[in-house]
Protein backbone atom coordinates (compact mmCIF):
# COMPACT_ATOMS: atom_id res chain seq x y z
CA MET A 1 23.27 -12.26 3.72
CA LYS A 2 21.98 -10.35 0.65
CA LEU A 3 18.76 -11.88 -0.70
CA ASN A 4 17.81 -12.14 -4.35
CA LYS A 5 14.87 -9.81 -4.85
CA ASN A 6 14.23 -10.81 -8.48
CA LEU A 7 11.44 -13.04 -7.31
CA GLU A 8 9.63 -13.60 -10.66
CA LEU A 9 9.05 -12.17 -14.17
CA LEU A 10 5.83 -11.81 -16.07
CA ALA A 11 4.90 -14.51 -18.59
CA SER A 12 3.65 -11.79 -20.95
CA THR A 13 4.13 -8.00 -21.08
CA ASN A 14 2.03 -7.09 -24.09
CA LYS A 15 -1.04 -5.58 -22.45
CA ALA A 16 -1.11 -2.85 -19.76
CA GLY A 17 -4.07 -1.43 -17.83
CA ILE A 18 -3.75 2.26 -17.00
CA ILE A 19 -5.31 3.89 -13.92
CA LEU A 20 -4.90 7.65 -13.52
CA ARG A 21 -4.93 9.80 -10.34
CA PRO A 22 -8.56 10.71 -9.59
CA SER A 23 -9.92 14.24 -10.05
CA SER A 24 -7.13 15.14 -12.44
CA PRO A 25 -8.58 15.82 -15.92
CA GLU A 26 -5.35 17.59 -16.79
CA LEU A 27 -3.73 14.14 -17.05
CA LYS A 28 -5.21 13.61 -20.56
CA GLU A 29 -2.03 14.83 -22.21
CA VAL A 30 0.05 12.68 -19.85
CA TYR A 31 -2.07 9.67 -20.75
CA ASN A 32 -1.60 10.29 -24.47
CA ASP A 33 2.17 10.47 -23.95
CA ILE A 34 2.16 7.25 -21.96
CA LYS A 35 0.00 5.52 -24.58
CA SER A 36 2.44 6.63 -27.28
CA ILE A 37 5.50 5.41 -25.39
CA PHE A 38 3.89 2.05 -24.64
CA LYS A 39 2.78 1.59 -28.22
CA LYS A 40 6.38 2.27 -29.39
CA ASN A 41 7.45 -0.62 -27.16
CA SER A 42 4.70 -2.99 -28.57
CA ILE A 43 2.55 -2.77 -25.46
CA GLU A 44 -1.21 -2.37 -25.98
CA VAL A 45 -2.85 0.06 -23.53
CA PHE A 46 -6.32 -0.17 -21.94
CA LEU A 47 -7.77 2.54 -19.70
CA GLU A 48 -9.82 1.97 -16.52
CA ASN A 49 -13.37 3.29 -16.74
CA ASP A 50 -13.30 6.05 -14.11
CA SER A 51 -9.97 7.34 -15.54
CA ALA A 52 -11.47 7.25 -19.00
CA ASP A 53 -14.57 9.23 -18.02
CA MET A 54 -12.37 11.77 -16.36
CA ILE A 55 -10.45 12.58 -19.59
CA GLY A 56 -13.17 11.86 -22.16
CA GLU A 57 -11.96 8.46 -23.33
CA ILE A 58 -13.52 4.98 -23.52
CA GLY A 59 -12.51 2.56 -20.81
CA LEU A 60 -13.14 -0.80 -19.15
CA SER A 61 -14.42 -1.66 -15.67
CA LEU A 62 -11.75 -2.62 -13.20
CA ASP A 63 -12.92 -6.22 -13.41
CA GLU A 64 -12.73 -6.33 -17.23
CA LEU A 65 -9.40 -4.48 -17.18
CA CYS A 66 -7.72 -6.81 -14.71
CA LYS A 67 -8.92 -9.89 -16.66
CA LYS A 68 -7.62 -8.47 -19.95
CA VAL A 69 -4.18 -7.12 -19.13
CA ASP A 70 -0.81 -8.55 -18.04
CA PHE A 71 0.02 -5.78 -15.55
CA LEU A 72 -1.39 -2.48 -14.19
CA VAL A 73 0.08 0.99 -14.35
CA SER A 74 -0.71 3.57 -11.63
CA VAL A 75 -0.20 7.16 -12.78
CA GLY A 76 0.09 9.71 -9.99
CA GLY A 77 1.80 9.34 -6.68
CA ASP A 78 2.04 6.91 -3.78
CA GLY A 79 -1.61 7.48 -2.77
CA THR A 80 -2.83 6.52 -6.29
CA LEU A 81 -0.69 3.40 -6.32
CA LEU A 82 -1.92 2.42 -2.84
CA SER A 83 -5.51 2.63 -4.10
CA VAL A 84 -4.71 0.65 -7.24
CA VAL A 85 -2.96 -2.15 -5.28
CA ARG A 86 -5.91 -2.53 -2.87
CA LYS A 87 -8.66 -2.41 -5.56
CA SER A 88 -6.89 -4.88 -7.82
CA PHE A 89 -5.48 -7.08 -5.05
CA HIS A 90 -7.63 -10.17 -5.65
CA TYR A 91 -6.68 -10.22 -9.34
CA ASN A 92 -3.02 -10.78 -8.43
CA LYS A 93 -1.75 -8.30 -11.04
CA PRO A 94 1.71 -6.69 -10.74
CA VAL A 95 1.56 -2.90 -10.57
CA LEU A 96 4.02 -0.39 -12.04
CA GLY A 97 3.96 3.10 -10.50
CA ILE A 98 4.63 6.14 -12.66
CA ASN A 99 5.35 9.07 -10.39
CA LEU A 100 4.10 12.54 -11.33
CA GLY A 101 5.17 14.32 -8.13
CA THR A 102 8.17 14.26 -5.87
CA LEU A 103 10.15 11.07 -5.22
CA GLY A 104 7.82 8.49 -3.74
CA PHE A 105 8.52 5.43 -1.56
CA LEU A 106 6.43 3.29 -3.87
CA THR A 107 6.42 4.96 -7.27
CA ASP A 108 9.91 5.23 -8.73
CA ILE A 109 9.50 5.72 -12.50
CA SER A 110 9.18 9.31 -13.75
CA MET A 111 7.81 10.23 -17.17
CA ASP A 112 11.34 11.17 -18.22
CA GLU A 113 12.56 7.65 -17.30
CA LEU A 114 9.58 5.77 -18.75
CA GLU A 115 10.84 5.10 -22.28
CA ASN A 116 14.25 3.74 -21.14
CA PHE A 117 12.53 1.66 -18.45
CA LEU A 118 10.14 0.07 -20.95
CA GLN A 119 13.03 -0.93 -23.18
CA ASP A 120 14.55 -2.73 -20.23
CA PHE A 121 11.12 -4.06 -19.26
CA LYS A 122 10.58 -5.68 -22.63
CA ASN A 123 14.02 -7.32 -22.27
CA SER A 124 13.07 -8.74 -18.85
CA LYS A 125 15.38 -6.29 -17.06
CA TYR A 126 13.16 -5.48 -14.11
CA ARG A 127 12.10 -7.03 -10.81
CA ILE A 128 8.82 -7.80 -9.09
CA ASP A 129 8.80 -7.33 -5.31
CA ASN A 130 6.28 -9.40 -3.37
CA ARG A 131 5.11 -7.22 -0.49
CA MET A 132 3.22 -8.28 2.56
CA MET A 133 -0.49 -7.33 2.87
CA ILE A 134 -2.58 -7.61 6.05
CA LYS A 135 -6.15 -8.82 6.33
CA GLY A 136 -8.51 -7.42 8.95
CA THR A 137 -12.05 -8.32 10.07
CA ILE A 138 -14.60 -6.52 12.23
CA ASP A 139 -17.71 -8.65 12.70
CA SER A 140 -18.82 -9.46 9.14
CA ASN A 141 -16.65 -6.83 7.51
CA SER A 142 -13.29 -7.89 6.05
CA PHE A 143 -10.64 -5.77 4.30
CA VAL A 144 -6.98 -5.77 3.25
CA ALA A 145 -4.39 -3.10 3.88
CA PHE A 146 -1.16 -2.41 2.07
CA ASN A 147 0.19 0.25 4.47
CA ASP A 148 -1.62 0.10 7.76
CA ILE A 149 -4.76 -0.39 9.81
CA VAL A 150 -5.32 2.41 12.35
CA ILE A 151 -7.60 2.03 15.33
CA SER A 152 -8.41 5.56 16.53
CA ARG A 153 -10.53 7.37 19.07
CA LYS A 154 -13.86 8.74 17.94
CA SER A 155 -13.70 12.02 19.84
CA ILE A 156 -10.75 14.40 20.05
CA SER A 157 -11.75 15.29 23.58
CA SER A 158 -11.13 11.84 25.08
CA MET A 159 -8.69 8.95 24.84
CA ILE A 160 -9.48 5.35 23.78
CA LYS A 161 -8.96 2.05 25.61
CA ILE A 162 -7.94 -1.02 23.61
CA ASP A 163 -7.10 -4.50 24.86
CA ALA A 164 -4.74 -6.52 22.63
CA LYS A 165 -4.11 -10.25 22.27
CA ILE A 166 -1.52 -12.26 20.34
CA ASP A 167 -2.71 -15.77 19.36
CA ASN A 168 -5.55 -15.47 21.92
CA LYS A 169 -3.30 -14.47 24.77
CA HIS A 170 -3.49 -10.99 26.33
CA PHE A 171 -0.31 -9.04 25.88
CA ASN A 172 -1.12 -5.30 26.25
CA SER A 173 -3.74 -2.62 26.98
CA TYR A 174 -3.46 0.65 25.07
CA TYR A 175 -4.77 3.89 26.44
CA GLY A 176 -4.25 7.04 24.33
CA ASP A 177 -5.19 8.25 20.86
CA GLY A 178 -5.10 4.80 19.28
CA VAL A 179 -2.77 2.23 17.71
CA ILE A 180 -1.28 1.61 14.27
CA ILE A 181 -0.82 -1.88 12.88
CA SER A 182 1.56 -1.43 9.96
CA THR A 183 3.13 -3.56 7.25
CA PRO A 184 6.86 -3.03 6.54
CA THR A 185 5.77 -1.07 3.42
CA GLY A 186 3.70 1.21 5.61
CA SER A 187 6.45 1.66 8.18
CA THR A 188 7.43 4.91 6.40
CA ALA A 189 3.87 6.27 6.48
CA TYR A 190 1.81 7.14 9.56
CA ASN A 191 3.88 4.73 11.63
CA LEU A 192 7.00 6.80 11.00
CA SER A 193 5.33 10.08 11.93
CA VAL A 194 4.45 8.84 15.41
CA GLY A 195 7.90 7.48 16.13
CA GLY A 196 7.61 3.94 14.88
CA PRO A 197 10.58 2.08 13.35
CA ILE A 198 11.42 1.78 9.64
CA VAL A 199 11.34 -1.86 8.55
CA TYR A 200 12.74 -3.07 5.20
CA PRO A 201 9.72 -3.46 2.90
CA LEU A 202 10.29 -7.12 1.91
CA THR A 203 10.33 -8.23 5.52
CA GLU A 204 7.25 -10.09 6.74
CA ALA A 205 6.44 -8.53 10.11
CA PHE A 206 3.79 -6.53 11.92
CA ILE A 207 4.70 -3.16 13.41
CA ILE A 208 2.37 -2.20 16.28
CA THR A 209 2.79 1.44 17.25
CA PRO A 210 0.75 3.27 19.93
CA ILE A 211 -0.44 6.78 19.08
CA ALA A 212 0.26 9.35 21.83
CA PRO A 213 -0.01 6.71 24.61
CA HIS A 214 -0.84 7.76 28.15
CA SER A 215 2.21 5.92 29.42
CA LEU A 216 5.94 6.39 28.86
CA THR A 217 6.37 2.57 28.95
CA GLN A 218 4.40 1.91 25.79
CA ARG A 219 6.73 1.37 22.84
CA PRO A 220 6.42 0.18 19.22
CA LEU A 221 6.62 -3.54 18.74
CA VAL A 222 7.91 -5.48 15.69
CA MET A 223 6.83 -9.10 15.57
CA PRO A 224 6.77 -11.98 13.05
CA ALA A 225 3.79 -12.03 10.69
CA ASP A 226 2.66 -15.55 11.49
CA PHE A 227 0.82 -14.42 14.60
CA GLN A 228 -2.83 -13.42 14.70
CA ILE A 229 -3.51 -10.22 16.59
CA GLU A 230 -6.80 -9.06 18.16
CA PHE A 231 -7.73 -5.63 19.40
CA THR A 232 -10.90 -5.32 21.48
CA ILE A 233 -12.44 -1.96 21.98
CA THR A 234 -13.20 -1.46 25.71
CA ASP A 235 -14.13 2.20 25.34
CA SER A 236 -17.83 3.02 25.62
CA GLN A 237 -17.59 5.49 22.74
CA GLY A 238 -16.27 2.83 20.38
CA ALA A 239 -13.62 3.51 17.76
CA VAL A 240 -12.99 4.22 14.11
CA VAL A 241 -10.85 1.83 12.07
CA ILE A 242 -9.05 3.42 9.11
CA VAL A 243 -7.60 1.21 6.34
CA ASP A 244 -4.71 2.72 4.40
CA GLY A 245 -6.11 6.20 5.11
CA GLN A 246 -8.84 5.50 2.50
CA ASP A 247 -11.60 3.29 4.01
CA ILE A 248 -13.24 3.88 7.39
CA TYR A 249 -15.18 1.45 9.57
CA GLU A 250 -16.81 1.88 12.97
CA ALA A 251 -16.20 -0.46 15.87
CA GLN A 252 -18.45 -0.51 18.88
CA GLU A 253 -17.57 -1.20 22.53
CA ASN A 254 -16.51 -4.88 23.02
CA GLU A 255 -16.07 -5.40 19.27
CA THR A 256 -12.84 -7.05 18.19
CA ILE A 257 -10.64 -6.26 15.16
CA LYS A 258 -8.81 -9.41 14.09
CA ILE A 259 -5.67 -8.94 12.01
CA LYS A 260 -3.41 -11.42 10.27
CA ILE A 261 -1.10 -11.64 7.27
CA SER A 262 -2.86 -12.18 3.94
CA ASN A 263 -2.03 -15.31 2.05
CA GLN A 264 -1.54 -13.19 -1.10
CA HIS A 265 1.04 -10.52 -1.65
CA ALA A 266 1.04 -7.21 -3.48
CA LYS A 267 3.23 -7.36 -6.56
CA MET A 268 5.29 -4.23 -7.33
CA ILE A 269 7.24 -3.74 -10.58
CA HIS A 270 10.51 -1.89 -10.07
CA ARG A 271 13.72 -1.00 -11.92
CA CYS A 272 16.57 -3.38 -11.20
CA GLN A 273 18.58 -0.33 -10.22
CA ARG A 274 16.13 0.83 -7.52
CA ASN A 275 17.84 0.91 -4.16
CA TYR A 276 15.50 1.25 -1.15
CA PHE A 277 18.23 2.72 1.06
CA GLU A 278 18.98 5.43 -1.51
CA VAL A 279 15.27 6.26 -1.55
CA LEU A 280 15.25 6.49 2.24
CA SER A 281 18.29 8.69 2.29
CA GLU A 282 16.88 11.10 -0.31
CA LYS A 283 13.31 11.13 0.99
CA LEU A 284 14.31 11.59 4.67
CA ARG A 285 17.30 13.81 3.88
CA TRP A 286 19.65 11.60 5.93
CA GLY A 287 23.04 13.23 6.40
CA ASN A 288 21.79 16.76 5.65
């Protein structure tokens, strides 16, 4: 059965918060073009403070920005959008991705398409996808991930041992380079590169994929997202926990990483015409 993915529309689309790819002062001209196109479509633009400093403009803190605007705009690639979603997550703001590089899995609007898209956008011809996020805790540290949480060995010269539980019941012990706990959105990221399955991004499921396991019987596992998963480090060297490839935490021997679905979703603004399977085919060069 085909599901309706037009889950909601914004109550107002008059104010946009812009966040630019970091360390890219050359984006000043791009920002001016974006500002002009948005203004032409009666959308007021506000710039995030770090982005503003980078290009010599005046901006707002992320907190001020998120409180002021109706939606956020990430300008860069998938990595920039990933960062924007995570940093703004608790403000529950939809995010539009403008792609400045090659075709992305998350960012699908190019600068050439922006003006036409905004005309549709102002006429409510767009969709908002609600995508699953996962919440993790290590001791007193808590974090959210859009793509994945990776538990990895500390030393390249040795493997790591990890015991895993589902809803407090032991189900596996991993011995190898580590394990990836991925969202469906993240299934086309690190998970894919180590042989994990691709899962449709609006599915609510965990993908647990071992990294170079020391056993041919270890295989990726897809499971419903209403379970709570625990990974206990049984290796004396401990482990590193990497969140969306951007934040790193340390876990010591006998420490447990608890992971569950977040009660809040990431909101992604897309063209109505966007077809995930066409993106897959083009990005992965299926049939070539």
